[in-house]
Amino acid sequence: MSEATATKSRGTEPRRFVKVIEILDKYERNPSKLVPILQEVQEEYRYLPEEVMTFVATSLGLPPSRVYGVATFYSHFALAPKGKYLFRLCDGTACHVRGSTALLDTLRKRLGLSENKATTDDMLFTVETVSCLGACGLAPVVVLNDEVHGLMTSDKVLALVEGVMQQEQM
């Protein structure tokens, strides 16, 4: 008997949902806590896998369409895997005028990404654009994970990439 079958036969959930179950239990499986539940699930997986959203829906007594609707409504949630390092480039008016497009082009070229491919094959980097980061005085602005970098240039953004790559090799 496989481990998954053995696990199911004991009446417990499959091992891959253990962390999700902990999150659900933390919020007492309260459907009104769907957003924070999804936030923690995404923190664990770096995105919201479809089978996990279905599991969350079932566990909360909600239709899967409701969970999917919430996940697609809020731009914070991702339905595709993201890299360990997330670059968010502001493309608001101030940043755009001050060269955010060049930064985006530089990052995509260095990482082998395109408009249709936002994450590197090794799942190390994801590059996204956002409408505004609210730091117009520092334009152009790049956020690497949760760290804001203002007054960016192509050289500075490449230095960020190289710094991460060196850190990952240690």
Foldseek 3Di string as FASTA:
>chain_A
DDPCVVCVVVVHHGPVCPVLVVLCVVVPLAPVCLVVSQVVVCVVQVAQELVSLCVSCVSNVHHSVVSVVVQVVDPVHHHDHAAPKEKEWECEPLQVVVDSVVLVVLVCVVQVHDPVGQAHPVSHYGYYYDHDDPPSVQHGWMQIPNRIDGPDDSVRSVVVVVVVVVVVVD
